Amino acid sequence: MIPKDLLYTKTHEWIKIEGDTGIIGITHFAQEQLGDITFVELPEVGASLTQGEEMGSIESVKAASELYAPVDGEVLEVNTALEDAPEKINEDPYGEGWLCKVKITGGKENLLDADAYAQLVAEEEH
């Protein structure tokens, strides 16, 4: 359940890097921990993101949690479909449940590959 073509953060965000742009979401593990997602607050288009800094928030029936930027960059697009259907994050966290697209300006070297992220999840599950 951890796609090999993505990179990950220790705070359970993923990013798919295509050239100098990236698509950001939260992982299957994160949405599973949150439970049924009821609301998501996304960054504004044009906002500057700093790796590791808060870029929005997500709420579920169980908890509220911050979303953290996996890289430095500028927000190019947000997934407006999530405003009316935040449950897409639960249903398809690596597809229709994406959060935003960014122009990457730095920070890629601090991300985890799929194997390192799988190890992190395994440690958190115990």
N, C-alpha and C. Protein backbone atom coordinates (compact mmCIF):
# COMPACT_ATOMS: atom_id res chain seq x y z
N MET A 1 0.83 -1.20 0.00
CA MET A 1 0.00 0.00 0.00
C MET A 1 0.87 1.26 0.00
N ILE A 2 2.19 1.09 -0.24
CA ILE A 2 3.10 2.23 -0.29
C ILE A 2 3.70 2.28 -1.70
N PRO A 3 3.14 3.12 -2.57
CA PRO A 3 3.65 3.18 -3.95
C PRO A 3 5.14 3.52 -4.00
N LYS A 4 5.85 2.79 -4.87
CA LYS A 4 7.31 2.93 -4.98
C LYS A 4 7.73 4.20 -5.73
N ASP A 5 6.81 4.78 -6.53
CA ASP A 5 7.18 5.93 -7.36
C ASP A 5 7.00 7.27 -6.65
N LEU A 6 6.67 7.24 -5.35
CA LEU A 6 6.46 8.46 -4.59
C LEU A 6 7.56 8.63 -3.55
N LEU A 7 7.69 9.84 -3.02
CA LEU A 7 8.57 10.10 -1.89
C LEU A 7 7.70 10.52 -0.71
N TYR A 8 8.23 10.36 0.50
CA TYR A 8 7.40 10.50 1.71
C TYR A 8 8.08 11.36 2.77
N THR A 9 7.24 11.84 3.72
CA THR A 9 7.75 12.58 4.88
C THR A 9 7.50 11.77 6.14
N LYS A 10 8.20 12.13 7.20
CA LYS A 10 7.98 11.46 8.48
C LYS A 10 6.62 11.81 9.07
N THR A 11 5.96 12.86 8.52
CA THR A 11 4.64 13.26 8.99
C THR A 11 3.52 12.72 8.09
N HIS A 12 3.87 11.76 7.23
CA HIS A 12 2.91 10.99 6.44
C HIS A 12 2.28 11.72 5.27
N GLU A 13 3.03 12.67 4.68
CA GLU A 13 2.62 13.22 3.40
C GLU A 13 3.41 12.50 2.31
N TRP A 14 2.85 12.46 1.10
CA TRP A 14 3.60 11.92 -0.04
C TRP A 14 3.71 13.01 -1.10
N ILE A 15 4.69 12.85 -1.96
CA ILE A 15 4.83 13.75 -3.10
C ILE A 15 5.27 12.94 -4.32
N LYS A 16 4.60 13.23 -5.44
CA LYS A 16 4.99 12.62 -6.72
C LYS A 16 5.70 13.73 -7.49
N ILE A 17 6.98 13.55 -7.75
CA ILE A 17 7.78 14.58 -8.41
C ILE A 17 7.85 14.31 -9.91
N GLU A 18 7.47 15.34 -10.68
CA GLU A 18 7.54 15.28 -12.14
C GLU A 18 8.28 16.53 -12.59
N GLY A 19 9.57 16.40 -12.86
CA GLY A 19 10.38 17.56 -13.23
C GLY A 19 10.51 18.49 -12.03
N ASP A 20 10.08 19.76 -12.20
CA ASP A 20 10.19 20.70 -11.09
C ASP A 20 8.83 20.93 -10.41
N THR A 21 7.85 20.06 -10.70
CA THR A 21 6.56 20.16 -10.02
C THR A 21 6.31 18.90 -9.21
N GLY A 22 5.42 19.02 -8.24
CA GLY A 22 5.08 17.88 -7.40
C GLY A 22 3.61 17.88 -7.05
N ILE A 23 3.05 16.70 -6.95
CA ILE A 23 1.68 16.53 -6.47
C ILE A 23 1.79 15.99 -5.05
N ILE A 24 1.06 16.62 -4.12
CA ILE A 24 1.15 16.28 -2.70
C ILE A 24 -0.16 15.68 -2.20
N GLY A 25 -0.04 14.70 -1.31
CA GLY A 25 -1.21 14.12 -0.65
C GLY A 25 -0.80 13.56 0.70
N ILE A 26 -1.74 12.87 1.35
CA ILE A 26 -1.38 12.16 2.58
C ILE A 26 -1.44 10.67 2.30
N THR A 27 -0.70 9.91 3.07
CA THR A 27 -0.56 8.48 2.80
C THR A 27 -1.77 7.68 3.27
N HIS A 28 -1.84 6.46 2.77
CA HIS A 28 -2.88 5.52 3.19
C HIS A 28 -2.83 5.35 4.71
N PHE A 29 -1.62 5.21 5.26
CA PHE A 29 -1.46 5.05 6.71
C PHE A 29 -2.07 6.25 7.44
N ALA A 30 -1.81 7.46 6.96
CA ALA A 30 -2.33 8.67 7.61
C ALA A 30 -3.84 8.71 7.58
N GLN A 31 -4.44 8.44 6.43
CA GLN A 31 -5.90 8.51 6.35
C GLN A 31 -6.53 7.41 7.20
N GLU A 32 -5.85 6.27 7.30
CA GLU A 32 -6.35 5.17 8.14
C GLU A 32 -6.33 5.56 9.62
N GLN A 33 -5.26 6.25 10.04
CA GLN A 33 -5.14 6.70 11.43
C GLN A 33 -6.19 7.76 11.76
N LEU A 34 -6.49 8.62 10.78
CA LEU A 34 -7.45 9.70 11.00
C LEU A 34 -8.89 9.19 11.06
N GLY A 35 -9.20 8.16 10.26
CA GLY A 35 -10.59 7.71 10.17
C GLY A 35 -11.32 8.55 9.12
N ASP A 36 -12.64 8.61 9.22
CA ASP A 36 -13.45 9.28 8.21
C ASP A 36 -13.16 10.78 8.18
N ILE A 37 -12.61 11.24 7.08
CA ILE A 37 -12.23 12.64 6.94
C ILE A 37 -13.46 13.48 6.60
N THR A 38 -13.64 14.58 7.36
CA THR A 38 -14.83 15.41 7.22
C THR A 38 -14.52 16.79 6.65
N PHE A 39 -13.27 17.24 6.72
CA PHE A 39 -12.93 18.59 6.26
C PHE A 39 -11.44 18.66 5.99
N VAL A 40 -11.07 19.43 4.97
CA VAL A 40 -9.65 19.67 4.70
C VAL A 40 -9.48 21.15 4.35
N GLU A 41 -8.47 21.77 4.95
CA GLU A 41 -8.12 23.15 4.64
C GLU A 41 -6.82 23.12 3.87
N LEU A 42 -6.85 23.60 2.64
CA LEU A 42 -5.68 23.55 1.76
C LEU A 42 -5.04 24.92 1.64
N PRO A 43 -3.78 24.97 1.24
CA PRO A 43 -3.12 26.27 1.07
C PRO A 43 -3.75 27.01 -0.11
N GLU A 44 -3.52 28.32 -0.16
CA GLU A 44 -3.99 29.14 -1.28
C GLU A 44 -3.07 28.95 -2.48
N VAL A 45 -3.65 29.03 -3.69
CA VAL A 45 -2.82 29.05 -4.89
C VAL A 45 -1.93 30.27 -4.83
N GLY A 46 -0.64 30.08 -5.11
CA GLY A 46 0.32 31.17 -5.05
C GLY A 46 1.07 31.23 -3.73
N ALA A 47 0.60 30.49 -2.72
CA ALA A 47 1.25 30.50 -1.41
C ALA A 47 2.64 29.87 -1.50
N SER A 48 3.56 30.39 -0.70
CA SER A 48 4.90 29.79 -0.60
C SER A 48 4.90 28.75 0.50
N LEU A 49 5.44 27.58 0.20
CA LEU A 49 5.54 26.51 1.19
C LEU A 49 6.99 26.36 1.61
N THR A 50 7.17 26.07 2.89
CA THR A 50 8.50 25.77 3.42
C THR A 50 8.46 24.36 3.95
N GLN A 51 9.42 23.54 3.53
CA GLN A 51 9.46 22.14 3.94
C GLN A 51 9.35 22.03 5.46
N GLY A 52 8.42 21.16 5.91
CA GLY A 52 8.25 20.90 7.33
C GLY A 52 7.33 21.88 8.03
N GLU A 53 6.94 22.97 7.33
CA GLU A 53 6.04 23.95 7.92
C GLU A 53 4.59 23.59 7.58
N GLU A 54 3.67 24.07 8.40
CA GLU A 54 2.26 23.78 8.18
C GLU A 54 1.78 24.39 6.86
N MET A 55 1.00 23.61 6.09
CA MET A 55 0.45 24.12 4.84
C MET A 55 -1.07 24.03 4.80
N GLY A 56 -1.67 23.50 5.86
CA GLY A 56 -3.11 23.34 5.92
C GLY A 56 -3.46 22.43 7.07
N SER A 57 -4.73 21.99 7.08
CA SER A 57 -5.14 21.06 8.13
C SER A 57 -6.19 20.11 7.60
N ILE A 58 -6.39 19.05 8.35
CA ILE A 58 -7.34 18.02 7.97
C ILE A 58 -8.09 17.58 9.23
N GLU A 59 -9.40 17.39 9.09
CA GLU A 59 -10.21 16.99 10.24
C GLU A 59 -10.96 15.72 9.91
N SER A 60 -11.09 14.89 10.94
CA SER A 60 -11.85 13.65 10.79
C SER A 60 -12.77 13.51 11.99
N VAL A 61 -13.54 12.43 11.99
CA VAL A 61 -14.42 12.19 13.13
C VAL A 61 -13.61 11.93 14.40
N LYS A 62 -12.35 11.51 14.25
CA LYS A 62 -11.49 11.20 15.40
C LYS A 62 -10.63 12.36 15.86
N ALA A 63 -10.10 13.15 14.92
CA ALA A 63 -9.06 14.12 15.28
C ALA A 63 -8.91 15.20 14.22
N ALA A 64 -8.17 16.23 14.60
CA ALA A 64 -7.74 17.26 13.64
C ALA A 64 -6.22 17.18 13.59
N SER A 65 -5.66 17.42 12.43
CA SER A 65 -4.23 17.29 12.27
C SER A 65 -3.74 18.33 11.27
N GLU A 66 -2.51 18.78 11.46
CA GLU A 66 -1.91 19.70 10.51
C GLU A 66 -1.38 18.92 9.31
N LEU A 67 -1.32 19.62 8.19
CA LEU A 67 -0.67 19.10 6.99
C LEU A 67 0.64 19.86 6.84
N TYR A 68 1.72 19.14 6.56
CA TYR A 68 3.03 19.76 6.45
C TYR A 68 3.58 19.65 5.04
N ALA A 69 4.23 20.70 4.59
CA ALA A 69 4.81 20.74 3.25
C ALA A 69 5.99 19.77 3.15
N PRO A 70 5.97 18.87 2.18
CA PRO A 70 7.10 17.94 2.01
C PRO A 70 8.33 18.59 1.37
N VAL A 71 8.13 19.71 0.68
CA VAL A 71 9.21 20.41 -0.01
C VAL A 71 9.00 21.92 0.11
N ASP A 72 10.01 22.67 -0.28
CA ASP A 72 9.85 24.11 -0.47
C ASP A 72 9.22 24.31 -1.84
N GLY A 73 8.32 25.28 -1.94
CA GLY A 73 7.75 25.53 -3.26
C GLY A 73 6.61 26.52 -3.24
N GLU A 74 6.00 26.67 -4.41
CA GLU A 74 4.86 27.57 -4.58
C GLU A 74 3.66 26.75 -5.03
N VAL A 75 2.51 26.99 -4.40
CA VAL A 75 1.29 26.25 -4.74
C VAL A 75 0.79 26.69 -6.11
N LEU A 76 0.66 25.72 -7.03
CA LEU A 76 0.17 25.99 -8.38
C LEU A 76 -1.33 25.72 -8.51
N GLU A 77 -1.80 24.71 -7.75
CA GLU A 77 -3.19 24.26 -7.89
C GLU A 77 -3.58 23.53 -6.61
N VAL A 78 -4.86 23.61 -6.24
CA VAL A 78 -5.36 22.81 -5.12
C VAL A 78 -6.52 21.97 -5.63
N ASN A 79 -6.77 20.87 -4.94
CA ASN A 79 -7.84 19.95 -5.33
C ASN A 79 -9.16 20.45 -4.74
N THR A 80 -9.85 21.30 -5.51
CA THR A 80 -11.08 21.92 -5.02
C THR A 80 -12.21 20.90 -4.83
N ALA A 81 -12.10 19.72 -5.46
CA ALA A 81 -13.13 18.68 -5.28
C ALA A 81 -13.23 18.24 -3.82
N LEU A 82 -12.13 18.42 -3.05
CA LEU A 82 -12.12 17.98 -1.65
C LEU A 82 -13.00 18.86 -0.76
N GLU A 83 -13.32 20.10 -1.22
CA GLU A 83 -14.18 20.97 -0.43
C GLU A 83 -15.54 20.32 -0.20
N ASP A 84 -16.09 19.70 -1.25
CA ASP A 84 -17.40 19.06 -1.16
C ASP A 84 -17.31 17.57 -0.88
N ALA A 85 -16.16 16.98 -1.10
CA ALA A 85 -16.02 15.53 -0.95
C ALA A 85 -14.68 15.16 -0.31
N PRO A 86 -14.45 15.59 0.97
CA PRO A 86 -13.17 15.27 1.61
C PRO A 86 -12.94 13.77 1.78
N GLU A 87 -14.02 12.99 1.71
CA GLU A 87 -13.88 11.53 1.84
C GLU A 87 -13.07 10.91 0.71
N LYS A 88 -12.84 11.65 -0.39
CA LYS A 88 -11.99 11.15 -1.48
C LYS A 88 -10.60 10.81 -0.94
N ILE A 89 -10.16 11.52 0.11
CA ILE A 89 -8.85 11.24 0.69
C ILE A 89 -8.84 9.84 1.30
N ASN A 90 -9.94 9.43 1.94
CA ASN A 90 -10.04 8.08 2.49
C ASN A 90 -10.12 7.04 1.37
N GLU A 91 -10.91 7.35 0.36
CA GLU A 91 -11.19 6.39 -0.70
C GLU A 91 -10.02 6.17 -1.64
N ASP A 92 -9.25 7.23 -1.92
CA ASP A 92 -8.20 7.14 -2.93
C ASP A 92 -7.06 8.11 -2.58
N PRO A 93 -6.32 7.84 -1.47
CA PRO A 93 -5.32 8.81 -1.01
C PRO A 93 -4.20 9.09 -2.02
N TYR A 94 -3.92 8.15 -2.92
CA TYR A 94 -2.84 8.34 -3.89
C TYR A 94 -3.36 8.75 -5.27
N GLY A 95 -4.67 8.97 -5.37
CA GLY A 95 -5.27 9.33 -6.66
C GLY A 95 -6.13 10.56 -6.51
N GLU A 96 -7.46 10.37 -6.54
CA GLU A 96 -8.39 11.50 -6.47
C GLU A 96 -8.30 12.29 -5.17
N GLY A 97 -7.65 11.72 -4.17
CA GLY A 97 -7.52 12.40 -2.88
C GLY A 97 -6.28 13.28 -2.74
N TRP A 98 -5.63 13.60 -3.87
CA TRP A 98 -4.46 14.49 -3.81
C TRP A 98 -4.87 15.84 -3.24
N LEU A 99 -3.91 16.55 -2.65
CA LEU A 99 -4.20 17.83 -1.98
C LEU A 99 -3.85 19.04 -2.84
N CYS A 100 -2.60 19.12 -3.30
CA CYS A 100 -2.19 20.29 -4.09
C CYS A 100 -1.02 19.94 -5.00
N LYS A 101 -0.81 20.82 -5.97
CA LYS A 101 0.34 20.72 -6.88
C LYS A 101 1.22 21.92 -6.62
N VAL A 102 2.53 21.69 -6.62
CA VAL A 102 3.48 22.76 -6.31
C VAL A 102 4.62 22.81 -7.32
N LYS A 103 5.17 24.03 -7.48
CA LYS A 103 6.43 24.20 -8.19
C LYS A 103 7.50 24.07 -7.12
N ILE A 104 8.37 23.07 -7.24
CA ILE A 104 9.37 22.75 -6.21
C ILE A 104 10.57 23.68 -6.34
N THR A 105 10.96 24.29 -5.20
CA THR A 105 12.16 25.13 -5.20
C THR A 105 13.27 24.55 -4.33
N GLY A 106 12.97 23.49 -3.54
CA GLY A 106 14.02 22.87 -2.74
C GLY A 106 13.46 21.85 -1.77
N GLY A 107 14.37 21.14 -1.09
CA GLY A 107 14.00 20.22 -0.03
C GLY A 107 13.82 18.77 -0.41
N LYS A 108 14.00 18.45 -1.71
CA LYS A 108 13.76 17.07 -2.13
C LYS A 108 14.69 16.07 -1.46
N GLU A 109 15.90 16.52 -1.09
CA GLU A 109 16.89 15.60 -0.53
C GLU A 109 16.51 15.10 0.86
N ASN A 110 15.53 15.71 1.50
CA ASN A 110 15.15 15.28 2.86
C ASN A 110 13.99 14.29 2.89
N LEU A 111 13.54 13.84 1.74
CA LEU A 111 12.39 12.94 1.68
C LEU A 111 12.80 11.48 1.82
N LEU A 112 11.84 10.66 2.20
CA LEU A 112 12.06 9.22 2.37
C LEU A 112 11.60 8.47 1.12
N ASP A 113 12.33 7.42 0.75
CA ASP A 113 11.83 6.57 -0.33
C ASP A 113 10.82 5.59 0.26
N ALA A 114 10.19 4.80 -0.59
CA ALA A 114 9.12 3.91 -0.14
C ALA A 114 9.60 2.93 0.93
N ASP A 115 10.80 2.39 0.80
CA ASP A 115 11.31 1.41 1.77
C ASP A 115 11.54 2.06 3.13
N ALA A 116 12.10 3.27 3.15
CA ALA A 116 12.34 3.97 4.41
C ALA A 116 11.01 4.34 5.06
N TYR A 117 10.02 4.73 4.23
CA TYR A 117 8.72 5.09 4.78
C TYR A 117 8.02 3.84 5.35
N ALA A 118 8.14 2.71 4.66
CA ALA A 118 7.54 1.46 5.15
C ALA A 118 8.12 1.09 6.52
N GLN A 119 9.41 1.30 6.70
CA GLN A 119 10.05 1.03 7.97
C GLN A 119 9.51 1.96 9.06
N LEU A 120 9.32 3.23 8.74
CA LEU A 120 8.75 4.20 9.68
C LEU A 120 7.35 3.78 10.12
N VAL A 121 6.51 3.39 9.16
CA VAL A 121 5.15 2.96 9.46
C VAL A 121 5.17 1.72 10.34
N ALA A 122 6.05 0.77 10.03
CA ALA A 122 6.15 -0.47 10.81
C ALA A 122 6.50 -0.14 12.27
N GLU A 123 7.40 0.83 12.48
CA GLU A 123 7.79 1.21 13.83
C GLU A 123 6.61 1.89 14.56
N GLU A 124 5.83 2.69 13.86
CA GLU A 124 4.71 3.40 14.47
C GLU A 124 3.55 2.46 14.81
N GLU A 125 3.45 1.36 14.06
CA GLU A 125 2.35 0.42 14.30
C GLU A 125 2.59 -0.44 15.54
N HIS A 126 3.82 -0.46 16.04
CA HIS A 126 4.12 -1.31 17.20
C HIS A 126 4.09 -0.55 18.49
